[in-house]
Each structure stands twice: as structure tokens, then as C-alpha cells.
Amino acid sequence: MPSWAKGAGLAAAAGTTLAGAGAAGLRALIRRSLPDTDGMLAAPGLHGVVTVDRDAWGVPRITASHGHDLFFGAGFVHAQDRFWQMEVNRHLPESILRM
């Protein structure tokens, strides 16, 4: 086998390994940016109990006994789901995205 073929095989193996490591790192970064959807939170200004249940796809179902509380819950869920985008957009102008 010619020496260039061995070098090409090693380069292909190294490239595949680096691509796999990059994909694993990207997946970890995305997972870390997902919101914490378990637990309870007490917020001042609510008139009653607000319940947020998420299905298997992460789609929220918000229930509340008062309209004000319902809108508060919807705003909270929206902010929770979109925080990662705001954080990424904050770092883009400076090009300082880090893991």
C-alpha cells in the first residue's frame, strides 16, 4: 500500500473522530441550554395557583384560576423557552460563543 494511502486513511479517521467529538459537544451545549421544567416556583403578585404541564414534546399546557395568572404563566414559559436564543444573540456580535 502506498504511503499516501496510509496518510489519507489516517486523515479520514482523524476527521471522523473530530466530527464525532464536535457533534457530541454540540449536543451537550444544546442540552445544557434547555430550561429546567421540574419543580415549583413562588412568584409575588399571583392571585392563585398557576400550573404548567409539558407533554412529551415539551409543549406547555398552562392552567390558572385568574386571567392575570394565566398571562403571567404564559410569559414565564415564553421567557423560559427563549432564553437560550437571547443568550446566543447576546454573544454573536462579539463572536465569543464558548462551551
N, C-alpha and C. Protein backbone atom coordinates (compact mmCIF):
# COMPACT_ATOMS: atom_id res chain seq x y z
N MET A 1 0.84 -1.18 0.00
CA MET A 1 0.00 0.00 0.00
C MET A 1 0.89 1.24 0.00
N PRO A 2 0.61 2.18 -0.89
CA PRO A 2 1.42 3.40 -0.96
C PRO A 2 1.30 4.21 0.33
N SER A 3 2.34 4.97 0.60
CA SER A 3 2.37 5.74 1.85
C SER A 3 1.30 6.84 1.86
N TRP A 4 0.96 7.39 0.68
CA TRP A 4 -0.07 8.43 0.65
C TRP A 4 -1.42 7.86 1.04
N ALA A 5 -1.67 6.57 0.73
CA ALA A 5 -2.95 5.94 1.07
C ALA A 5 -3.06 5.77 2.59
N LYS A 6 -1.95 5.42 3.23
CA LYS A 6 -1.96 5.30 4.70
C LYS A 6 -2.23 6.67 5.33
N GLY A 7 -1.60 7.69 4.79
CA GLY A 7 -1.82 9.04 5.30
C GLY A 7 -3.26 9.49 5.10
N ALA A 8 -3.83 9.16 3.95
CA ALA A 8 -5.22 9.53 3.68
C ALA A 8 -6.16 8.79 4.63
N GLY A 9 -5.85 7.52 4.89
CA GLY A 9 -6.68 6.75 5.83
C GLY A 9 -6.61 7.32 7.24
N LEU A 10 -5.42 7.70 7.67
CA LEU A 10 -5.27 8.32 8.99
C LEU A 10 -5.98 9.66 9.07
N ALA A 11 -5.90 10.45 8.01
CA ALA A 11 -6.58 11.74 7.98
C ALA A 11 -8.09 11.57 8.03
N ALA A 12 -8.59 10.56 7.31
CA ALA A 12 -10.03 10.30 7.33
C ALA A 12 -10.47 9.85 8.72
N ALA A 13 -9.69 9.00 9.36
CA ALA A 13 -10.03 8.54 10.72
C ALA A 13 -10.00 9.70 11.70
N ALA A 14 -8.99 10.56 11.59
CA ALA A 14 -8.90 11.72 12.48
C ALA A 14 -10.07 12.67 12.24
N GLY A 15 -10.43 12.88 11.00
CA GLY A 15 -11.56 13.76 10.68
C GLY A 15 -12.88 13.23 11.22
N THR A 16 -13.06 11.91 11.09
CA THR A 16 -14.27 11.29 11.62
C THR A 16 -14.33 11.42 13.14
N THR A 17 -13.21 11.21 13.79
CA THR A 17 -13.15 11.32 15.26
C THR A 17 -13.44 12.75 15.69
N LEU A 18 -12.85 13.73 15.03
CA LEU A 18 -13.09 15.13 15.36
C LEU A 18 -14.54 15.52 15.11
N ALA A 19 -15.13 15.04 14.02
CA ALA A 19 -16.53 15.35 13.73
C ALA A 19 -17.45 14.75 14.80
N GLY A 20 -17.15 13.53 15.22
CA GLY A 20 -17.95 12.90 16.28
C GLY A 20 -17.82 13.65 17.60
N ALA A 21 -16.61 14.08 17.93
CA ALA A 21 -16.41 14.83 19.16
C ALA A 21 -17.11 16.18 19.09
N GLY A 22 -17.07 16.81 17.93
CA GLY A 22 -17.76 18.09 17.75
C GLY A 22 -19.27 17.94 17.88
N ALA A 23 -19.82 16.87 17.31
CA ALA A 23 -21.26 16.62 17.41
C ALA A 23 -21.67 16.35 18.85
N ALA A 24 -20.85 15.60 19.58
CA ALA A 24 -21.15 15.32 20.98
C ALA A 24 -21.08 16.60 21.82
N GLY A 25 -20.11 17.45 21.53
CA GLY A 25 -20.00 18.73 22.24
C GLY A 25 -21.18 19.64 21.95
N LEU A 26 -21.61 19.68 20.70
CA LEU A 26 -22.76 20.50 20.32
C LEU A 26 -24.03 20.00 21.00
N ARG A 27 -24.19 18.69 21.05
CA ARG A 27 -25.37 18.13 21.73
C ARG A 27 -25.35 18.48 23.22
N ALA A 28 -24.20 18.40 23.85
CA ALA A 28 -24.10 18.76 25.27
C ALA A 28 -24.42 20.23 25.48
N LEU A 29 -23.95 21.09 24.58
CA LEU A 29 -24.23 22.52 24.68
C LEU A 29 -25.72 22.80 24.55
N ILE A 30 -26.36 22.14 23.60
CA ILE A 30 -27.80 22.33 23.41
C ILE A 30 -28.58 21.81 24.61
N ARG A 31 -28.22 20.65 25.13
CA ARG A 31 -28.89 20.09 26.30
C ARG A 31 -28.76 21.00 27.51
N ARG A 32 -27.60 21.59 27.68
CA ARG A 32 -27.36 22.45 28.84
C ARG A 32 -28.20 23.72 28.77
N SER A 33 -28.54 24.16 27.56
CA SER A 33 -29.29 25.40 27.41
C SER A 33 -30.80 25.20 27.55
N LEU A 34 -31.26 23.96 27.69
CA LEU A 34 -32.70 23.73 27.85
C LEU A 34 -33.16 24.18 29.22
N PRO A 35 -34.40 24.67 29.32
CA PRO A 35 -34.90 25.17 30.60
C PRO A 35 -35.17 24.05 31.59
N ASP A 36 -35.09 24.39 32.87
CA ASP A 36 -35.44 23.46 33.93
C ASP A 36 -36.96 23.47 34.07
N THR A 37 -37.59 22.36 33.78
CA THR A 37 -39.05 22.31 33.76
C THR A 37 -39.63 21.54 34.94
N ASP A 38 -38.82 21.15 35.89
CA ASP A 38 -39.30 20.43 37.07
C ASP A 38 -39.27 21.35 38.29
N GLY A 39 -40.17 21.09 39.23
CA GLY A 39 -40.14 21.82 40.48
C GLY A 39 -41.26 22.84 40.60
N MET A 40 -41.18 23.61 41.67
CA MET A 40 -42.18 24.64 41.95
C MET A 40 -41.48 25.98 42.12
N LEU A 41 -42.23 27.04 41.85
CA LEU A 41 -41.70 28.39 41.96
C LEU A 41 -42.77 29.28 42.56
N ALA A 42 -42.41 30.07 43.55
CA ALA A 42 -43.34 31.04 44.13
C ALA A 42 -43.02 32.41 43.54
N ALA A 43 -44.04 33.05 42.97
CA ALA A 43 -43.84 34.37 42.36
C ALA A 43 -44.79 35.37 43.01
N PRO A 44 -44.27 36.53 43.42
CA PRO A 44 -45.15 37.53 44.03
C PRO A 44 -46.10 38.13 42.99
N GLY A 45 -47.29 38.49 43.42
CA GLY A 45 -48.26 39.13 42.54
C GLY A 45 -49.27 38.19 41.92
N LEU A 46 -49.15 36.90 42.15
CA LEU A 46 -50.14 35.97 41.61
C LEU A 46 -51.37 35.92 42.52
N HIS A 47 -52.53 35.77 41.89
CA HIS A 47 -53.78 35.70 42.65
C HIS A 47 -54.15 34.27 43.03
N GLY A 48 -53.56 33.30 42.37
CA GLY A 48 -53.87 31.90 42.64
C GLY A 48 -52.74 31.00 42.16
N VAL A 49 -53.07 29.76 41.97
CA VAL A 49 -52.08 28.76 41.55
C VAL A 49 -52.04 28.70 40.02
N VAL A 50 -50.84 28.69 39.49
CA VAL A 50 -50.63 28.52 38.05
C VAL A 50 -49.90 27.19 37.87
N THR A 51 -50.41 26.36 36.99
CA THR A 51 -49.81 25.05 36.74
C THR A 51 -49.34 24.99 35.29
N VAL A 52 -48.11 24.58 35.10
CA VAL A 52 -47.56 24.40 33.76
C VAL A 52 -47.18 22.94 33.61
N ASP A 53 -47.86 22.24 32.74
CA ASP A 53 -47.55 20.85 32.42
C ASP A 53 -47.04 20.79 31.00
N ARG A 54 -45.99 20.02 30.79
CA ARG A 54 -45.44 19.86 29.45
C ARG A 54 -45.63 18.43 28.98
N ASP A 55 -45.98 18.28 27.71
CA ASP A 55 -46.14 16.94 27.16
C ASP A 55 -44.78 16.37 26.76
N ALA A 56 -44.79 15.23 26.11
CA ALA A 56 -43.54 14.56 25.74
C ALA A 56 -42.70 15.41 24.78
N TRP A 57 -43.31 16.30 24.04
CA TRP A 57 -42.61 17.15 23.07
C TRP A 57 -42.17 18.47 23.69
N GLY A 58 -42.52 18.71 24.96
CA GLY A 58 -42.14 19.95 25.62
C GLY A 58 -43.13 21.08 25.43
N VAL A 59 -44.29 20.78 24.84
CA VAL A 59 -45.31 21.80 24.62
C VAL A 59 -46.02 22.08 25.94
N PRO A 60 -46.06 23.34 26.38
CA PRO A 60 -46.65 23.64 27.69
C PRO A 60 -48.18 23.71 27.65
N ARG A 61 -48.79 23.27 28.74
CA ARG A 61 -50.24 23.41 28.97
C ARG A 61 -50.35 24.21 30.26
N ILE A 62 -50.88 25.42 30.17
CA ILE A 62 -50.93 26.32 31.31
C ILE A 62 -52.36 26.40 31.81
N THR A 63 -52.54 26.20 33.11
CA THR A 63 -53.86 26.37 33.73
C THR A 63 -53.73 27.34 34.89
N ALA A 64 -54.77 28.18 35.03
CA ALA A 64 -54.80 29.17 36.11
C ALA A 64 -56.25 29.51 36.40
N SER A 65 -56.50 29.99 37.62
CA SER A 65 -57.87 30.34 38.01
C SER A 65 -58.19 31.80 37.73
N HIS A 66 -57.21 32.59 37.33
CA HIS A 66 -57.41 34.01 37.08
C HIS A 66 -56.68 34.39 35.79
N GLY A 67 -57.26 35.29 35.01
CA GLY A 67 -56.66 35.69 33.73
C GLY A 67 -55.27 36.28 33.88
N HIS A 68 -55.10 37.09 34.92
CA HIS A 68 -53.78 37.70 35.18
C HIS A 68 -52.74 36.61 35.38
N ASP A 69 -53.09 35.59 36.15
CA ASP A 69 -52.16 34.50 36.42
C ASP A 69 -51.85 33.70 35.16
N LEU A 70 -52.87 33.55 34.30
CA LEU A 70 -52.67 32.81 33.05
C LEU A 70 -51.66 33.54 32.16
N PHE A 71 -51.81 34.85 32.04
CA PHE A 71 -50.87 35.61 31.22
C PHE A 71 -49.47 35.63 31.84
N PHE A 72 -49.39 35.68 33.16
CA PHE A 72 -48.09 35.61 33.81
C PHE A 72 -47.42 34.28 33.49
N GLY A 73 -48.19 33.18 33.59
CA GLY A 73 -47.64 31.85 33.29
C GLY A 73 -47.19 31.74 31.85
N ALA A 74 -47.97 32.31 30.93
CA ALA A 74 -47.60 32.26 29.51
C ALA A 74 -46.32 33.05 29.26
N GLY A 75 -46.20 34.20 29.89
CA GLY A 75 -44.98 35.00 29.74
C GLY A 75 -43.76 34.30 30.33
N PHE A 76 -43.96 33.66 31.48
CA PHE A 76 -42.86 32.94 32.11
C PHE A 76 -42.39 31.79 31.23
N VAL A 77 -43.32 31.02 30.70
CA VAL A 77 -42.97 29.88 29.83
C VAL A 77 -42.28 30.37 28.56
N HIS A 78 -42.78 31.46 28.00
CA HIS A 78 -42.16 32.01 26.79
C HIS A 78 -40.71 32.44 27.06
N ALA A 79 -40.50 33.13 28.16
CA ALA A 79 -39.15 33.55 28.52
C ALA A 79 -38.25 32.36 28.80
N GLN A 80 -38.81 31.35 29.45
CA GLN A 80 -38.03 30.16 29.77
C GLN A 80 -37.60 29.43 28.49
N ASP A 81 -38.49 29.35 27.54
CA ASP A 81 -38.18 28.64 26.30
C ASP A 81 -37.25 29.42 25.38
N ARG A 82 -37.27 30.73 25.44
CA ARG A 82 -36.49 31.53 24.51
C ARG A 82 -35.20 32.09 25.10
N PHE A 83 -34.89 31.79 26.36
CA PHE A 83 -33.70 32.34 26.98
C PHE A 83 -32.44 31.98 26.22
N TRP A 84 -32.33 30.74 25.75
CA TRP A 84 -31.13 30.32 25.04
C TRP A 84 -30.89 31.17 23.81
N GLN A 85 -31.96 31.54 23.10
CA GLN A 85 -31.81 32.35 21.90
C GLN A 85 -31.32 33.75 22.26
N MET A 86 -31.84 34.32 23.33
CA MET A 86 -31.39 35.63 23.75
C MET A 86 -29.92 35.58 24.17
N GLU A 87 -29.52 34.52 24.83
CA GLU A 87 -28.13 34.38 25.28
C GLU A 87 -27.19 34.24 24.08
N VAL A 88 -27.56 33.44 23.11
CA VAL A 88 -26.73 33.28 21.91
C VAL A 88 -26.63 34.59 21.15
N ASN A 89 -27.77 35.27 20.97
CA ASN A 89 -27.76 36.54 20.23
C ASN A 89 -26.96 37.61 20.96
N ARG A 90 -26.87 37.53 22.27
CA ARG A 90 -26.08 38.49 23.03
C ARG A 90 -24.59 38.32 22.74
N HIS A 91 -24.16 37.09 22.51
CA HIS A 91 -22.74 36.82 22.28
C HIS A 91 -22.32 36.90 20.81
N LEU A 92 -23.25 36.82 19.89
CA LEU A 92 -22.90 36.80 18.47
C LEU A 92 -22.12 38.03 18.00
N PRO A 93 -22.48 39.26 18.39
CA PRO A 93 -21.72 40.40 17.86
C PRO A 93 -20.25 40.37 18.27
N GLU A 94 -19.94 39.79 19.39
CA GLU A 94 -18.55 39.75 19.85
C GLU A 94 -17.84 38.46 19.44
N SER A 95 -18.57 37.53 18.86
CA SER A 95 -18.04 36.23 18.47
C SER A 95 -17.35 35.54 19.63
N ILE A 96 -18.02 35.45 20.77
CA ILE A 96 -17.41 34.81 21.94
C ILE A 96 -18.25 33.64 22.42
N LEU A 97 -18.77 32.86 21.49
CA LEU A 97 -19.51 31.66 21.88
C LEU A 97 -18.54 30.63 22.41
N ARG A 98 -18.73 30.22 23.64
CA ARG A 98 -17.86 29.24 24.27
C ARG A 98 -18.69 28.18 24.94
N MET A 99 -18.11 27.01 25.11
CA MET A 99 -18.80 25.94 25.82
C MET A 99 -18.49 26.02 27.29
